[in-house]
Amino acid sequence: MTNSSLADASRELNRHLVNLLDSLSALFILTELPAASLDENALLTRALDALRQNQDLERCSIFLLTRENELVNAAGFSWDDLWQNGAATERQQHRFRIGEGIMGRAAASGELQHCRSCADDPHFSAPMPNSPPHGSLISVPLRGDGKVIGVLNVFHPESGFFDFWHERLLLLFANTLGQLLANCRLLHQREQMVAQRTEELHRTNTALQHEIEERQAAEARLAEEHAFLQTVMDSVLEPIMVIGPDYRVQLMNRAAAALNGDDGSARFCYQLSHRRDSPCATPEHPCPIAEVAKNRAPVILMHQHYDAAGEPRIVELQASPLWNEDGTLRAIVESSRDVTERALAEAEMREKQQQLAHQAHHDPLTGLSNRMLFAAHLSHALARAHRYKKNLALLFLDLDGFKAVNDTLGHARGDLLLRIVAERLQRHVREVDMVARFGGDEFTILLEDVHTTDDAGLVARNLLDALSLPFPLEQHIASIGASIGISCYPHDAQDTETLLRHADAAMYQAKAQGKNRYCYYGREATDP
């Protein structure tokens, strides 16, 4: 080998070594690119800048695949400028379909396409301004996530210039750039998604904040209205509570809180007013809520409540309904008025009236009915007997020997004797029969619904036997008798006055015939 040949071989080796080092430098720069902070155009431009450090690969460009499956120039030389010497200029923007020309075949096949002489290669087919240029062209597909996303094109004006090492280098560079570009797109896509989601969250947060502000404003207005309502309720002197259907106290005024001794622990009406653990449900204490719901109208009830000191109080409750739009009961407004003093006064008045009524119709000594009540009762009994065709008998009883006891033992023992006589008479007649003190030592007995007049004689005989027993009067024993006159309806009389007069006459007839016996009106006396 001549010195000239050795020199040429040495220069060629040096060129390859320089290209190798430049290529390694380009790969290093490519892997160090800050893809996260670069947009797609900047990333492609800087990648081509790194590739151009290799003098053999200065004329390069990148075409990316669009959604319409067309290849469009994205960085580096345009298709026209790729064949020209000098810097790239603004030329016509060409679009290549998949499978069209060498670049289209690289995108379609996913494999490197090497055109060693563009002018002579029949597979080179691309729009050119004139005839195809002389030179070599390599089109390498850019792959990202397993699919072709673009093509890297490198041109050299010398035909057959690129060798095996150029192909390996460009394949490695294209694979690295393709994955880096895919990662960049994924990152930007995620950033867009994050930005979009952030914007959505911001809008949602803004809307939520607006809703919160509106709710807070509504709550503030409600609180203000509640405070105003509470002030109005507190200005009422009578206790007022608003109670829900669940018996929960929703509102109460100051008077109700003071009356019930509310410390906040009891929130049900029955706990506050009745000091109990269950709602009112008795006839004595009907539940206001249940009564309002049943009547669908305001009600007035009387209850016994307990005040803050635990003392029972009688209160008058006025409960008015509050209805929902659907007609269901929303709550009741319950006002209460302490009527304890009035109720006690009314009870005392009723008791006095009852006492006066009792005194007006009863004998104060024996407690028996007096002449007035007996006459009224006899009149009603005669009306019933007439209506139902019944018999009745009137016994007129006068004590024999009472005056002697009263004169010798004193009026106190005489009164005691009369009380014992009254007790014995009541024990020996039926509960439906009436015993009355007619005056002094005279008594009358009304027997209703007797079957025969002889039944009255049997009763008279029992009474005589009862009165024949000794009477213990403190330290003394007294003995008396009785004379009884009997008149019967309808046999002897038809009216009250006549019946009494005939019984009185029969009684005097019994006395005239020896006392201590009974006598029917118009008949002889019956011996004891």
Foldseek 3Di string as FASTA:
>chain_A
DDPVVVVVVVVVVVLVVQLVVLLVQLVVVLVPDPLLPDALLVNQAVSLVSNVSNVQFVLKFKWWQDPVQKTWTRDGAAPACSQPPDGHDDDDTDIHHQPAAQQNPCQNVVAKGKDQFLQPDPRGGDDYPDGTAGWIKIWHFADAPHHGTIIMIGIDNHGNPDDPVNRVSVNVSRPSSSNSSNVSVVSVVVVVVVVVVVVVVVVVVVVVVVVVVVVVVVVVVVVVVVVVVQVVQQVDQFWKFKAFPVQFTPDIHPNLCQFQVDPPPDGGPCCRWVVDDDADDDPQDHGQSVVCQVVVAKDWHWDWTAGSVRDTFIKIKIWGFDADPVGHTGIIMITIDTCRVVVVVVVVVVVVVVVVVQVVQADPLQSAGEQVVVLVVVQVLLVVCVVVVAKKKKKKKAKAPLVVCCVPVHVVLSSVVLNVLSVLLVVLDDPVKGWYAHDDRMIMIMGTRDPDPVVVQVSVVSSQVSQQDWDDRPPDIHGIGMFMFMEMPPPQHSHSVRSVVQRVVQSVQRVVVPGRFYGYRPGHTDDD
